[in-house]
Amino acid sequence: MTHRPLGAARCGDRVGGFTLIEMLVIVVIIGVLVAFVAPKIDITRYRVESAMQGIGTTIVAAQHEAITRQYDVVLMFDTGAASVRILEDENDNGTRDANERERAVPLGDLIVFGRAGTPAGAIGTDDVTFTQQREGLPALTFHRNGSASEAGGFYLTSRREVRTGQYPQDSRQAAIERSTGRLRWYRYGSGTWQRGF
């Protein structure tokens, strides 16, 4: 009887693992599956969701900053540039002074303010429904107690919905309460506005 070291294989014994041919077959199968599934993935839907989450986070952070720092934080909705400008109004005078910080947060690729052909929701028909104006833009101010300057909101949608009117499911609505500054999101689907993402 011949003794082999523990773990050594005899000639002809199969050791665990895959052969090169087996690996190539698996890669080909995965490639075929991806080729069938990839065209059905709606990337724009994910971009709208990302824009919604990004602007929602920006609004909540602006409100938190107003409370924490105890001064007004002004959000200006620049529909032309598809962005939200944030002004830290340290002296609460409603204008941007030289020492006050202002930054812009873009909506992202292919996303705009608006609802295109989607029916209006509870906030009204305008792309941005805030009546306060700062630097010629609709604006919302968060005060040091967390309240908002007014109730209102805005719509987000995709450029493809604006261009074709064929994608109402791309539309989102944000509503802000005045007394608490609370933000509520709605999505359009199944012929109606539905709460949440």
Foldseek 3Di string as FASTA:
>chain_A
DDDDPPPDDDPPDDDDDDDPVVVVVVVVVVVVVCVVCVVVDDVLLVLLVVLVVVVVVVLVVQLVCQQVLQAKKKWFQDQVQQWIKIWGPNVNPQAHDPPIDIDIGHSDPQKGQAQALQDDDPQDHDQWNAPDDYPRTRMWMRGNVSFIPAKHWHKMFGNVCNVPVPCSQRMKIWIAHGGRRDIWIWGDDPNDTHTDD
